Amino acid sequence: MSKMRAAQVSEANGPFELVERDIPEPGPGQVRVRVEACGICHSDAFVKTGGFPGLELPRVPGHEVAGRIDAVGEGVTSWQAGQRVGVGWHGGHCGQCRSCRRGDFVTCANQQIAGISYDGGYADYMLAPQEALAAVPEELDAVHAAPLLCAGITTFNALRHSGAGPGDVVGIQGVGGLGHLAIQYARHMGFHTVALSGGDDKRELARELGAQDYVDTSRQDAVEFLQQLGGARVILSTAPNAGLMSSVIDGLGVDGKLLLVGATPDAIEVSPFQLLMARRSVSGWPSGTPSDSEDTMSFSARTGSQARIETYPLEDVENAYRRMIDNKARFRVVLTMT
């Protein structure tokens, strides 16, 4: 039987193990993807630390997968070998729960997550349910498509559903792996885009990405700046820091929304008074479906919005992961399989 390489985590907080496995055969309703590139996401730490509820080790992480269909299982009729596809965080849904019956697949009570519920893209091949696939446009190569399947869709989808309209003031908190994409999307959606981050060293980059304004929060009061513009309609918080999230709530205008996509277990501090008097709200946004991934990639291709990446071969997975988790990468890290 033919073999493949895979980088697996066998014990919590243990090293990645580069192992040889049999190439799996797709079962009913599954496809086999020949992986070309896989992004390394901060959420892959759930596997590395063994901290995700119900996680079974060993597990191959990876939910920013771009490649080509290599084989299809019984009952798969909408996809065929040779098609370019991606697999993101949303790795399948049950179709039976209350959310699925309403067509809200991203909140499926039994949602599967690629690289957590089943082996992901840190490998030459992976299996995925057919409903988890997103078509990758020809305009995008695999290494640039991969980060859009998590970092891209999360920020794009949150912004387009945020309630902000062209000309509205939208703050992007954080100019990192998520934020650098969010700035590009916000500008192309027609928002008055304000980047918020500590340090003047990111000012030039933020403007290059499309921000009309930049606030160095280590020297300037972000709340005061946003209120001088009339208050933000939306502040998209991409940095996983509850203190920073809490600090900008008063920068929202009437009916303003603090929209969270940066994941942290720490509590946000907000008083009812801060929300009541201006009808402000605090909300979160969870990634999206494969259809949303397709919209994200198409929009990115049309507007030239692109993740800035560092690439590493699969054999260098430990170093690549460390670059991401230590916040040394600028801005997304992608493993390549060829």
C-alpha atoms as a PDB file:
ATOM      1  CA  MET A   1       0.000   0.000   0.000  1.00  0.00           C
ATOM      2  CA  SER A   2       1.224   3.523  -0.801  1.00  0.00           C
ATOM      3  CA  LYS A   3       2.539   5.635   2.042  1.00  0.00           C
ATOM      4  CA  MET A   4       2.344   9.302   3.017  1.00  0.00           C
ATOM      5  CA  ARG A   5       3.972  11.653   5.516  1.00  0.00           C
ATOM      6  CA  ALA A   6       2.026  13.166   8.391  1.00  0.00           C
ATOM      7  CA  ALA A   7       2.961  15.400  11.327  1.00  0.00           C
ATOM      8  CA  GLN A   8       1.016  14.183  14.337  1.00  0.00           C
ATOM      9  CA  VAL A   9       0.717  15.087  18.017  1.00  0.00           C
ATOM     10  CA  SER A  10       0.702  11.933  20.151  1.00  0.00           C
ATOM     11  CA  GLU A  11       0.668  13.445  23.649  1.00  0.00           C
ATOM     12  CA  ALA A  12      -0.350  16.769  25.144  1.00  0.00           C
ATOM     13  CA  ASN A  13       2.451  19.339  24.881  1.00  0.00           C
ATOM     14  CA  GLY A  14       4.612  16.785  23.136  1.00  0.00           C
ATOM     15  CA  PRO A  15       6.614  17.386  19.941  1.00  0.00           C
ATOM     16  CA  PHE A  16       5.307  16.935  16.442  1.00  0.00           C
ATOM     17  CA  GLU A  17       6.155  13.476  15.157  1.00  0.00           C
ATOM     18  CA  LEU A  18       6.783  13.123  11.433  1.00  0.00           C
ATOM     19  CA  VAL A  19       5.450   9.652  10.719  1.00  0.00           C
ATOM     20  CA  GLU A  20       4.747   7.454   7.720  1.00  0.00           C
ATOM     21  CA  ARG A  21       1.175   6.260   7.302  1.00  0.00           C
ATOM     22  CA  ASP A  22      -0.857   4.376   4.747  1.00  0.00           C
ATOM     23  CA  ILE A  23      -2.664   6.716   2.359  1.00  0.00           C
ATOM     24  CA  PRO A  24      -6.301   6.469   3.526  1.00  0.00           C
ATOM     25  CA  GLU A  25      -9.188   5.429   1.318  1.00  0.00           C
ATOM     26  CA  PRO A  26     -12.272   7.675   1.261  1.00  0.00           C
ATOM     27  CA  GLY A  27     -15.453   6.183   2.697  1.00  0.00           C
ATOM     28  CA  PRO A  28     -19.031   7.013   1.691  1.00  0.00           C
ATOM     29  CA  GLY A  29     -19.551  10.763   1.424  1.00  0.00           C
ATOM     30  CA  GLN A  30     -15.827  11.480   1.801  1.00  0.00           C
ATOM     31  CA  VAL A  31     -13.146  12.844  -0.500  1.00  0.00           C
ATOM     32  CA  ARG A  32      -9.398  12.421  -0.353  1.00  0.00           C
ATOM     33  CA  VAL A  33      -7.433  15.623  -0.778  1.00  0.00           C
ATOM     34  CA  ARG A  34      -3.833  15.693  -1.944  1.00  0.00           C
ATOM     35  CA  VAL A  35      -2.603  18.518   0.268  1.00  0.00           C
ATOM     36  CA  GLU A  36      -0.471  21.179  -1.383  1.00  0.00           C
ATOM     37  CA  ALA A  37      -0.377  23.719   1.455  1.00  0.00           C
ATOM     38  CA  CYS A  38      -1.687  23.993   5.000  1.00  0.00           C
ATOM     39  CA  GLY A  39      -1.666  27.090   7.165  1.00  0.00           C
ATOM     40  CA  ILE A  40      -0.645  26.940  10.797  1.00  0.00           C
ATOM     41  CA  CYS A  41      -3.267  28.667  12.920  1.00  0.00           C
ATOM     42  CA  HIS A  42      -3.141  29.713  16.574  1.00  0.00           C
ATOM     43  CA  SER A  43      -6.102  27.376  17.144  1.00  0.00           C
ATOM     44  CA  ASP A  44      -3.808  24.446  16.311  1.00  0.00           C
ATOM     45  CA  ALA A  45      -2.556  24.947  19.858  1.00  0.00           C
ATOM     46  CA  PHE A  46      -5.742  23.130  20.943  1.00  0.00           C
ATOM     47  CA  VAL A  47      -4.197  19.991  19.460  1.00  0.00           C
ATOM     48  CA  LYS A  48      -0.620  20.659  20.539  1.00  0.00           C
ATOM     49  CA  THR A  49      -1.678  21.108  24.164  1.00  0.00           C
ATOM     50  CA  GLY A  50      -4.384  18.462  24.067  1.00  0.00           C
ATOM     51  CA  GLY A  51      -6.802  21.028  25.418  1.00  0.00           C
ATOM     52  CA  PHE A  52      -9.839  20.722  23.146  1.00  0.00           C
ATOM     53  CA  PRO A  53     -12.856  18.894  24.646  1.00  0.00           C
ATOM     54  CA  GLY A  54     -13.213  15.399  23.212  1.00  0.00           C
ATOM     55  CA  LEU A  55      -9.888  15.520  21.340  1.00  0.00           C
ATOM     56  CA  GLU A  56      -8.386  12.098  20.716  1.00  0.00           C
ATOM     57  CA  LEU A  57      -4.621  11.727  20.290  1.00  0.00           C
ATOM     58  CA  PRO A  58      -2.682  11.047  18.180  1.00  0.00           C
ATOM     59  CA  ARG A  59      -4.075  13.684  15.869  1.00  0.00           C
ATOM     60  CA  VAL A  60      -2.788  15.417  12.737  1.00  0.00           C
ATOM     61  CA  PRO A  61      -3.674  19.136  13.021  1.00  0.00           C
ATOM     62  CA  GLY A  62      -4.499  21.546  10.238  1.00  0.00           C
ATOM     63  CA  HIS A  63      -7.665  23.382   9.180  1.00  0.00           C
ATOM     64  CA  GLU A  64      -6.289  25.787   6.552  1.00  0.00           C
ATOM     65  CA  VAL A  65      -5.915  23.209   3.815  1.00  0.00           C
ATOM     66  CA  ALA A  66      -5.533  23.799   0.095  1.00  0.00           C
ATOM     67  CA  GLY A  67      -4.986  21.058  -2.463  1.00  0.00           C
ATOM     68  CA  ARG A  68      -6.652  18.904  -5.097  1.00  0.00           C
ATOM     69  CA  ILE A  69      -9.167  16.081  -4.868  1.00  0.00           C
ATOM     70  CA  ASP A  70      -7.352  12.818  -5.360  1.00  0.00           C
ATOM     71  CA  ALA A  71     -10.216  10.347  -4.952  1.00  0.00           C
ATOM     72  CA  VAL A  72     -13.906  10.366  -4.006  1.00  0.00           C
ATOM     73  CA  GLY A  73     -15.935   7.905  -1.973  1.00  0.00           C
ATOM     74  CA  GLU A  74     -19.279   6.309  -2.676  1.00  0.00           C
ATOM     75  CA  GLY A  75     -22.145   8.760  -2.997  1.00  0.00           C
ATOM     76  CA  VAL A  76     -19.995  11.786  -3.837  1.00  0.00           C
ATOM     77  CA  THR A  77     -21.433  13.305  -7.004  1.00  0.00           C
ATOM     78  CA  SER A  78     -20.731  17.052  -6.748  1.00  0.00           C
ATOM     79  CA  TRP A  79     -16.952  16.743  -6.634  1.00  0.00           C
ATOM     80  CA  GLN A  80     -14.469  14.914  -8.803  1.00  0.00           C
ATOM     81  CA  ALA A  81     -10.794  14.080  -8.897  1.00  0.00           C
ATOM     82  CA  GLY A  82      -8.570  16.937 -10.008  1.00  0.00           C
ATOM     83  CA  GLN A  83     -10.665  19.791  -8.611  1.00  0.00           C
ATOM     84  CA  ARG A  84      -8.910  22.425  -6.522  1.00  0.00           C
ATOM     85  CA  VAL A  85     -10.432  22.540  -3.055  1.00  0.00           C
ATOM     86  CA  GLY A  86      -9.876  23.810   0.447  1.00  0.00           C
ATOM     87  CA  VAL A  87     -10.949  22.673   3.897  1.00  0.00           C
ATOM     88  CA  GLY A  88     -11.305  25.168   6.739  1.00  0.00           C
ATOM     89  CA  TRP A  89     -12.325  25.189  10.404  1.00  0.00           C
ATOM     90  CA  HIS A  90     -15.863  24.100   9.535  1.00  0.00           C
ATOM     91  CA  GLY A  91     -15.130  20.474   8.775  1.00  0.00           C
ATOM     92  CA  GLY A  92     -18.628  19.093   8.427  1.00  0.00           C
ATOM     93  CA  HIS A  93     -22.099  19.213   9.959  1.00  0.00           C
ATOM     94  CA  CYS A  94     -24.731  16.692  10.938  1.00  0.00           C
ATOM     95  CA  GLY A  95     -27.711  18.040   8.985  1.00  0.00           C
ATOM     96  CA  GLN A  96     -30.056  16.899  11.767  1.00  0.00           C
ATOM     97  CA  CYS A  97     -29.751  19.308  14.718  1.00  0.00           C
ATOM     98  CA  ARG A  98     -31.865  22.420  15.235  1.00  0.00           C
ATOM     99  CA  SER A  99     -29.254  24.728  13.695  1.00  0.00           C
ATOM    100  CA  CYS A 100     -28.762  22.533  10.632  1.00  0.00           C
ATOM    101  CA  ARG A 101     -32.514  22.283  10.066  1.00  0.00           C
ATOM    102  CA  ARG A 102     -32.528  26.080   9.919  1.00  0.00           C
ATOM    103  CA  GLY A 103     -29.652  26.080   7.470  1.00  0.00           C
ATOM    104  CA  ASP A 104     -27.267  27.558  10.058  1.00  0.00           C
ATOM    105  CA  PHE A 105     -24.565  24.960   9.561  1.00  0.00           C
ATOM    106  CA  VAL A 106     -21.760  26.905  11.216  1.00  0.00           C
ATOM    107  CA  THR A 107     -23.489  26.561  14.608  1.00  0.00           C
ATOM    108  CA  CYS A 108     -24.225  22.847  14.143  1.00  0.00           C
ATOM    109  CA  ALA A 109     -24.449  21.170  17.549  1.00  0.00           C
ATOM    110  CA  ASN A 110     -22.383  18.285  16.187  1.00  0.00           C
ATOM    111  CA  GLN A 111     -20.035  20.287  14.002  1.00  0.00           C
ATOM    112  CA  GLN A 112     -16.791  18.624  13.003  1.00  0.00           C
ATOM    113  CA  ILE A 113     -13.530  20.544  12.931  1.00  0.00           C
ATOM    114  CA  ALA A 114     -10.793  19.617  10.492  1.00  0.00           C
ATOM    115  CA  GLY A 115      -7.611  18.702  12.331  1.00  0.00           C
ATOM    116  CA  ILE A 116      -9.487  18.216  15.619  1.00  0.00           C
ATOM    117  CA  SER A 117     -12.465  15.937  14.964  1.00  0.00           C
ATOM    118  CA  TYR A 118     -10.441  14.091  12.348  1.00  0.00           C
ATOM    119  CA  ASP A 119      -6.913  14.279  10.932  1.00  0.00           C
ATOM    120  CA  GLY A 120      -6.168  17.518   9.149  1.00  0.00           C
ATOM    121  CA  GLY A 121      -3.771  19.016   6.661  1.00  0.00           C
ATOM    122  CA  TYR A 122      -0.321  18.587   8.235  1.00  0.00           C
ATOM    123  CA  ALA A 123       0.063  15.643   5.861  1.00  0.00           C
ATOM    124  CA  ASP A 124       0.416  14.708   2.223  1.00  0.00           C
ATOM    125  CA  TYR A 125      -3.200  13.502   2.098  1.00  0.00           C
ATOM    126  CA  MET A 126      -6.327  13.937   4.204  1.00  0.00           C
ATOM    127  CA  LEU A 127      -9.927  12.763   4.169  1.00  0.00           C
ATOM    128  CA  ALA A 128     -12.820  15.179   4.579  1.00  0.00           C
ATOM    129  CA  PRO A 129     -16.620  15.016   4.381  1.00  0.00           C
ATOM    130  CA  GLN A 130     -17.856  16.304   1.042  1.00  0.00           C
ATOM    131  CA  GLU A 131     -19.863  19.110   2.728  1.00  0.00           C
ATOM    132  CA  ALA A 132     -16.603  20.525   4.166  1.00  0.00           C
ATOM    133  CA  LEU A 133     -15.113  21.360   0.753  1.00  0.00           C
ATOM    134  CA  ALA A 134     -14.720  24.831  -0.718  1.00  0.00           C
ATOM    135  CA  ALA A 135     -13.753  25.379  -4.356  1.00  0.00           C
ATOM    136  CA  VAL A 136     -10.483  27.309  -4.740  1.00  0.00           C
ATOM    137  CA  PRO A 137     -10.436  29.838  -7.614  1.00  0.00           C
ATOM    138  CA  GLU A 138      -7.720  29.476 -10.220  1.00  0.00           C
ATOM    139  CA  GLU A 139      -6.496  33.004  -9.485  1.00  0.00           C
ATOM    140  CA  LEU A 140      -5.123  31.890  -6.099  1.00  0.00           C
ATOM    141  CA  ASP A 141      -2.177  29.586  -5.612  1.00  0.00           C
ATOM    142  CA  ALA A 142      -2.389  27.045  -2.799  1.00  0.00           C
ATOM    143  CA  VAL A 143      -0.069  28.784  -0.334  1.00  0.00           C
ATOM    144  CA  HIS A 144      -2.068  32.026  -0.505  1.00  0.00           C
ATOM    145  CA  ALA A 145      -5.438  30.280  -0.514  1.00  0.00           C
ATOM    146  CA  ALA A 146      -4.707  28.270   2.637  1.00  0.00           C
ATOM    147  CA  PRO A 147      -4.748  31.114   5.228  1.00  0.00           C
ATOM    148  CA  LEU A 148      -7.981  32.472   3.754  1.00  0.00           C
ATOM    149  CA  LEU A 149      -9.764  29.315   4.918  1.00  0.00           C
ATOM    150  CA  CYS A 150      -9.540  30.423   8.548  1.00  0.00           C
ATOM    151  CA  ALA A 151      -7.936  33.834   9.101  1.00  0.00           C
ATOM    152  CA  GLY A 152      -9.470  35.144   5.898  1.00  0.00           C
ATOM    153  CA  ILE A 153     -13.002  33.823   6.229  1.00  0.00           C
ATOM    154  CA  THR A 154     -13.187  34.767   9.914  1.00  0.00           C
ATOM    155  CA  THR A 155     -12.421  38.451   9.313  1.00  0.00           C
ATOM    156  CA  PHE A 156     -14.171  38.785   5.942  1.00  0.00           C
ATOM    157  CA  ASN A 157     -17.344  37.099   7.131  1.00  0.00           C
ATOM    158  CA  ALA A 158     -17.441  39.044  10.393  1.00  0.00           C
ATOM    159  CA  LEU A 159     -17.059  42.376   8.606  1.00  0.00           C
ATOM    160  CA  ARG A 160     -19.642  41.722   5.907  1.00  0.00           C
ATOM    161  CA  HIS A 161     -22.210  40.717   8.529  1.00  0.00           C
ATOM    162  CA  SER A 162     -21.255  43.436  11.007  1.00  0.00           C
ATOM    163  CA  GLY A 163     -23.943  45.938  10.034  1.00  0.00           C
ATOM    164  CA  ALA A 164     -21.406  48.550   8.936  1.00  0.00           C
ATOM    165  CA  GLY A 165     -21.941  50.235   5.583  1.00  0.00           C
ATOM    166  CA  PRO A 166     -19.735  52.132   3.135  1.00  0.00           C
ATOM    167  CA  GLY A 167     -18.321  55.235   4.768  1.00  0.00           C
ATOM    168  CA  ASP A 168     -18.858  54.006   8.331  1.00  0.00           C
ATOM    169  CA  VAL A 169     -15.943  54.195  10.745  1.00  0.00           C
ATOM    170  CA  VAL A 170     -14.617  50.689  11.389  1.00  0.00           C
ATOM    171  CA  GLY A 171     -11.743  50.062  13.752  1.00  0.00           C
ATOM    172  CA  ILE A 172      -9.473  47.059  13.330  1.00  0.00           C
ATOM    173  CA  GLN A 173      -7.834  46.237  16.641  1.00  0.00           C
ATOM    174  CA  GLY A 174      -4.582  44.414  16.013  1.00  0.00           C
ATOM    175  CA  VAL A 175      -2.318  44.346  12.945  1.00  0.00           C
ATOM    176  CA  GLY A 176      -1.327  40.689  13.044  1.00  0.00           C
ATOM    177  CA  GLY A 177      -2.296  37.445  11.350  1.00  0.00           C
ATOM    178  CA  LEU A 178      -6.002  38.281  11.387  1.00  0.00           C
ATOM    179  CA  GLY A 179      -5.786  42.051  11.515  1.00  0.00           C
ATOM    180  CA  HIS A 180      -3.621  42.514   8.436  1.00  0.00           C
ATOM    181  CA  LEU A 181      -6.294  40.749   6.388  1.00  0.00           C
ATOM    182  CA  ALA A 182      -9.153  42.569   8.122  1.00  0.00           C
ATOM    183  CA  ILE A 183      -7.661  45.956   7.214  1.00  0.00           C
ATOM    184  CA  GLN A 184      -7.564  45.000   3.543  1.00  0.00           C
ATOM    185  CA  TYR A 185     -11.131  43.708   3.565  1.00  0.00           C
ATOM    186  CA  ALA A 186     -12.461  46.722   5.474  1.00  0.00           C
ATOM    187  CA  ARG A 187     -10.917  49.166   3.008  1.00  0.00           C
ATOM    188  CA  HIS A 188     -12.266  47.277  -0.010  1.00  0.00           C
ATOM    189  CA  MET A 189     -15.732  47.142   1.578  1.00  0.00           C
ATOM    190  CA  GLY A 190     -15.725  50.920   1.624  1.00  0.00           C
ATOM    191  CA  PHE A 191     -15.348  51.496   5.355  1.00  0.00           C
ATOM    192  CA  HIS A 192     -13.383  54.367   6.893  1.00  0.00           C
ATOM    193  CA  THR A 193     -10.752  51.988   8.215  1.00  0.00           C
ATOM    194  CA  VAL A 194      -8.856  52.818  11.418  1.00  0.00           C
ATOM    195  CA  ALA A 195      -6.088  50.454  12.516  1.00  0.00           C
ATOM    196  CA  LEU A 196      -5.464  50.253  16.266  1.00  0.00           C
ATOM    197  CA  SER A 197      -2.215  48.756  17.547  1.00  0.00           C
ATOM    198  CA  GLY A 198       0.591  49.442  19.975  1.00  0.00           C
ATOM    199  CA  GLY A 199       3.790  50.863  18.526  1.00  0.00           C
ATOM    200  CA  ASP A 200       4.539  53.276  15.724  1.00  0.00           C
ATOM    201  CA  ASP A 201       6.399  50.596  13.765  1.00  0.00           C
ATOM    202  CA  LYS A 202       3.107  49.301  12.302  1.00  0.00           C
ATOM    203  CA  ARG A 203       1.862  52.658  11.045  1.00  0.00           C
ATOM    204  CA  GLU A 204       3.393  52.440   7.571  1.00  0.00           C
ATOM    205  CA  LEU A 205       2.272  48.830   7.122  1.00  0.00           C
ATOM    206  CA  ALA A 206      -1.295  49.615   8.222  1.00  0.00           C
ATOM    207  CA  ARG A 207      -1.522  52.423   5.681  1.00  0.00           C
ATOM    208  CA  GLU A 208      -0.011  50.224   2.990  1.00  0.00           C
ATOM    209  CA  LEU A 209      -2.700  47.623   3.710  1.00  0.00           C
ATOM    210  CA  GLY A 210      -5.426  50.226   3.304  1.00  0.00           C
ATOM    211  CA  ALA A 211      -6.066  51.923   6.641  1.00  0.00           C
ATOM    212  CA  GLN A 212      -6.945  55.606   6.321  1.00  0.00           C
ATOM    213  CA  ASP A 213      -5.902  56.200   9.933  1.00  0.00           C
ATOM    214  CA  TYR A 214      -3.589  54.539  12.410  1.00  0.00           C
ATOM    215  CA  VAL A 215      -3.672  54.888  16.191  1.00  0.00           C
ATOM    216  CA  ASP A 216      -0.575  53.965  18.171  1.00  0.00           C
ATOM    217  CA  THR A 217      -2.399  52.907  21.323  1.00  0.00           C
ATOM    218  CA  SER A 218       0.800  53.060  23.389  1.00  0.00           C
ATOM    219  CA  ARG A 219       0.900  56.828  22.880  1.00  0.00           C
ATOM    220  CA  GLN A 220      -2.566  57.871  21.787  1.00  0.00           C
ATOM    221  CA  ASP A 221      -6.038  57.388  23.264  1.00  0.00           C
ATOM    222  CA  ALA A 222      -7.939  55.195  20.800  1.00  0.00           C
ATOM    223  CA  VAL A 223     -11.295  56.033  22.382  1.00  0.00           C
ATOM    224  CA  GLU A 224     -10.720  59.769  22.021  1.00  0.00           C
ATOM    225  CA  PHE A 225      -9.557  59.385  18.413  1.00  0.00           C
ATOM    226  CA  LEU A 226     -12.576  57.309  17.410  1.00  0.00           C
ATOM    227  CA  GLN A 227     -14.990  59.674  19.131  1.00  0.00           C
ATOM    228  CA  GLN A 228     -13.480  62.595  17.220  1.00  0.00           C
ATOM    229  CA  LEU A 229     -14.612  60.738  14.081  1.00  0.00           C
ATOM    230  CA  GLY A 230     -18.106  60.387  15.540  1.00  0.00           C
ATOM    231  CA  GLY A 231     -17.558  56.978  17.105  1.00  0.00           C
ATOM    232  CA  ALA A 232     -16.956  53.634  15.444  1.00  0.00           C
ATOM    233  CA  ARG A 233     -19.849  51.719  13.923  1.00  0.00           C
ATOM    234  CA  VAL A 234     -17.816  48.551  14.436  1.00  0.00           C
ATOM    235  CA  ILE A 235     -14.556  47.677  16.131  1.00  0.00           C
ATOM    236  CA  LEU A 236     -13.292  44.289  14.978  1.00  0.00           C
ATOM    237  CA  SER A 237     -11.028  42.945  17.711  1.00  0.00           C
ATOM    238  CA  THR A 238      -8.553  40.484  16.239  1.00  0.00           C
ATOM    239  CA  ALA A 239      -6.008  40.370  19.076  1.00  0.00           C
ATOM    240  CA  PRO A 240      -6.688  37.649  21.697  1.00  0.00           C
ATOM    241  CA  ASN A 241      -6.394  40.050  24.629  1.00  0.00           C
ATOM    242  CA  ALA A 242      -9.441  40.700  26.816  1.00  0.00           C
ATOM    243  CA  GLY A 243      -7.909  43.824  28.341  1.00  0.00           C
ATOM    244  CA  LEU A 244      -7.404  45.439  24.955  1.00  0.00           C
ATOM    245  CA  MET A 245     -10.925  44.498  23.909  1.00  0.00           C
ATOM    246  CA  SER A 246     -12.373  46.093  27.027  1.00  0.00           C
ATOM    247  CA  SER A 247     -10.335  49.258  26.559  1.00  0.00           C
ATOM    248  CA  VAL A 248     -11.995  50.341  23.293  1.00  0.00           C
ATOM    249  CA  ILE A 249     -15.691  49.868  24.064  1.00  0.00           C
ATOM    250  CA  ASP A 250     -16.148  53.583  24.740  1.00  0.00           C
ATOM    251  CA  GLY A 251     -14.815  54.270  21.241  1.00  0.00           C
ATOM    252  CA  LEU A 252     -18.041  52.936  19.752  1.00  0.00           C
ATOM    253  CA  GLY A 253     -20.665  55.331  18.460  1.00  0.00           C
ATOM    254  CA  VAL A 254     -24.418  55.032  18.800  1.00  0.00           C
ATOM    255  CA  ASP A 255     -25.490  51.495  17.844  1.00  0.00           C
ATOM    256  CA  GLY A 256     -21.805  50.595  17.685  1.00  0.00           C
ATOM    257  CA  LYS A 257     -20.673  47.001  17.978  1.00  0.00           C
ATOM    258  CA  LEU A 258     -17.515  45.498  19.435  1.00  0.00           C
ATOM    259  CA  LEU A 259     -17.110  42.408  17.266  1.00  0.00           C
ATOM    260  CA  LEU A 260     -14.756  39.739  18.595  1.00  0.00           C
ATOM    261  CA  VAL A 261     -12.821  37.246  16.500  1.00  0.00           C
ATOM    262  CA  GLY A 262      -9.675  37.021  18.641  1.00  0.00           C
ATOM    263  CA  ALA A 263     -10.146  33.985  20.904  1.00  0.00           C
ATOM    264  CA  THR A 264      -9.226  34.247  24.579  1.00  0.00           C
ATOM    265  CA  PRO A 265     -10.656  32.531  27.677  1.00  0.00           C
ATOM    266  CA  ASP A 266     -10.292  35.714  29.726  1.00  0.00           C
ATOM    267  CA  ALA A 267     -13.319  37.821  30.615  1.00  0.00           C
ATOM    268  CA  ILE A 268     -14.091  41.170  29.000  1.00  0.00           C
ATOM    269  CA  GLU A 269     -14.946  43.965  31.418  1.00  0.00           C
ATOM    270  CA  VAL A 270     -17.905  46.142  30.446  1.00  0.00           C
ATOM    271  CA  SER A 271     -20.507  47.945  32.516  1.00  0.00           C
ATOM    272  CA  PRO A 272     -24.190  48.021  31.559  1.00  0.00           C
ATOM    273  CA  PHE A 273     -23.947  51.820  31.522  1.00  0.00           C
ATOM    274  CA  GLN A 274     -21.353  51.673  28.710  1.00  0.00           C
ATOM    275  CA  LEU A 275     -23.819  49.736  26.562  1.00  0.00           C
ATOM    276  CA  LEU A 276     -27.181  51.167  27.553  1.00  0.00           C
ATOM    277  CA  MET A 277     -26.769  54.851  26.853  1.00  0.00           C
ATOM    278  CA  ALA A 278     -25.660  54.460  23.228  1.00  0.00           C
ATOM    279  CA  ARG A 279     -27.269  51.091  22.383  1.00  0.00           C
ATOM    280  CA  ARG A 280     -23.827  49.539  22.044  1.00  0.00           C
ATOM    281  CA  SER A 281     -23.277  45.793  21.889  1.00  0.00           C
ATOM    282  CA  VAL A 282     -20.542  43.203  22.237  1.00  0.00           C
ATOM    283  CA  SER A 283     -20.714  40.236  19.896  1.00  0.00           C
ATOM    284  CA  GLY A 284     -18.634  37.409  18.475  1.00  0.00           C
ATOM    285  CA  TRP A 285     -18.331  35.811  15.048  1.00  0.00           C
ATOM    286  CA  PRO A 286     -17.385  32.176  14.324  1.00  0.00           C
ATOM    287  CA  SER A 287     -15.644  31.611  10.994  1.00  0.00           C
ATOM    288  CA  GLY A 288     -18.170  30.363   8.405  1.00  0.00           C
ATOM    289  CA  THR A 289     -19.269  27.608   6.053  1.00  0.00           C
ATOM    290  CA  PRO A 290     -17.447  26.377   2.938  1.00  0.00           C
ATOM    291  CA  SER A 291     -19.717  28.646   0.879  1.00  0.00           C
ATOM    292  CA  ASP A 292     -18.439  31.584   2.957  1.00  0.00           C
ATOM    293  CA  SER A 293     -14.879  30.398   2.293  1.00  0.00           C
ATOM    294  CA  GLU A 294     -15.584  30.508  -1.434  1.00  0.00           C
ATOM    295  CA  ASP A 295     -16.911  34.065  -1.100  1.00  0.00           C
ATOM    296  CA  THR A 296     -13.809  35.032   0.877  1.00  0.00           C
ATOM    297  CA  MET A 297     -11.420  33.620  -1.695  1.00  0.00           C
ATOM    298  CA  SER A 298     -13.310  35.164  -4.622  1.00  0.00           C
ATOM    299  CA  PHE A 299     -13.399  38.578  -2.963  1.00  0.00           C
ATOM    300  CA  SER A 300      -9.707  38.307  -2.113  1.00  0.00           C
ATOM    301  CA  ALA A 301      -8.804  37.416  -5.685  1.00  0.00           C
ATOM    302  CA  ARG A 302     -10.877  40.265  -7.146  1.00  0.00           C
ATOM    303  CA  THR A 303      -9.546  42.923  -4.780  1.00  0.00           C
ATOM    304  CA  GLY A 304      -5.956  41.734  -4.487  1.00  0.00           C
ATOM    305  CA  SER A 305      -6.365  41.168  -0.742  1.00  0.00           C
ATOM    306  CA  GLN A 306      -3.669  38.734   0.249  1.00  0.00           C
ATOM    307  CA  ALA A 307      -2.216  37.118   3.342  1.00  0.00           C
ATOM    308  CA  ARG A 308       1.445  37.808   3.956  1.00  0.00           C
ATOM    309  CA  ILE A 309       3.052  34.469   4.597  1.00  0.00           C
ATOM    310  CA  GLU A 310       6.138  32.538   5.557  1.00  0.00           C
ATOM    311  CA  THR A 311       6.429  29.052   4.068  1.00  0.00           C
ATOM    312  CA  TYR A 312       8.112  25.981   5.547  1.00  0.00           C
ATOM    313  CA  PRO A 313       8.357  22.369   4.356  1.00  0.00           C
ATOM    314  CA  LEU A 314       6.396  19.775   6.332  1.00  0.00           C
ATOM    315  CA  GLU A 315       9.657  18.448   7.771  1.00  0.00           C
ATOM    316  CA  ASP A 316      10.212  21.783   9.515  1.00  0.00           C
ATOM    317  CA  VAL A 317       6.798  21.754  11.214  1.00  0.00           C
ATOM    318  CA  GLU A 318       8.122  22.200  14.770  1.00  0.00           C
ATOM    319  CA  ASN A 319      10.031  25.350  13.876  1.00  0.00           C
ATOM    320  CA  ALA A 320       7.139  26.659  11.799  1.00  0.00           C
ATOM    321  CA  TYR A 321       4.671  26.133  14.654  1.00  0.00           C
ATOM    322  CA  ARG A 322       7.048  27.805  17.089  1.00  0.00           C
ATOM    323  CA  ARG A 323       7.299  30.859  14.821  1.00  0.00           C
ATOM    324  CA  MET A 324       3.532  31.169  14.969  1.00  0.00           C
ATOM    325  CA  ILE A 325       2.944  30.476  18.655  1.00  0.00           C
ATOM    326  CA  ASP A 326       5.779  32.790  19.746  1.00  0.00           C
ATOM    327  CA  ASN A 327       4.291  35.599  17.624  1.00  0.00           C
ATOM    328  CA  LYS A 328       7.470  35.930  15.575  1.00  0.00           C
ATOM    329  CA  ALA A 329       5.892  35.217  12.185  1.00  0.00           C
ATOM    330  CA  ARG A 330       4.839  38.083   9.914  1.00  0.00           C
ATOM    331  CA  PHE A 331       2.024  37.246   9.415  1.00  0.00           C
ATOM    332  CA  ARG A 332       0.783  33.727   8.546  1.00  0.00           C
ATOM    333  CA  VAL A 333       2.797  30.507   8.477  1.00  0.00           C
ATOM    334  CA  VAL A 334       2.086  27.934   5.768  1.00  0.00           C
ATOM    335  CA  LEU A 335       3.411  24.398   5.416  1.00  0.00           C
ATOM    336  CA  THR A 336       4.102  23.160   1.899  1.00  0.00           C
ATOM    337  CA  MET A 337       3.947  19.502   0.918  1.00  0.00           C
ATOM    338  CA  THR A 338       5.718  19.523  -2.444  1.00  0.00           C
END
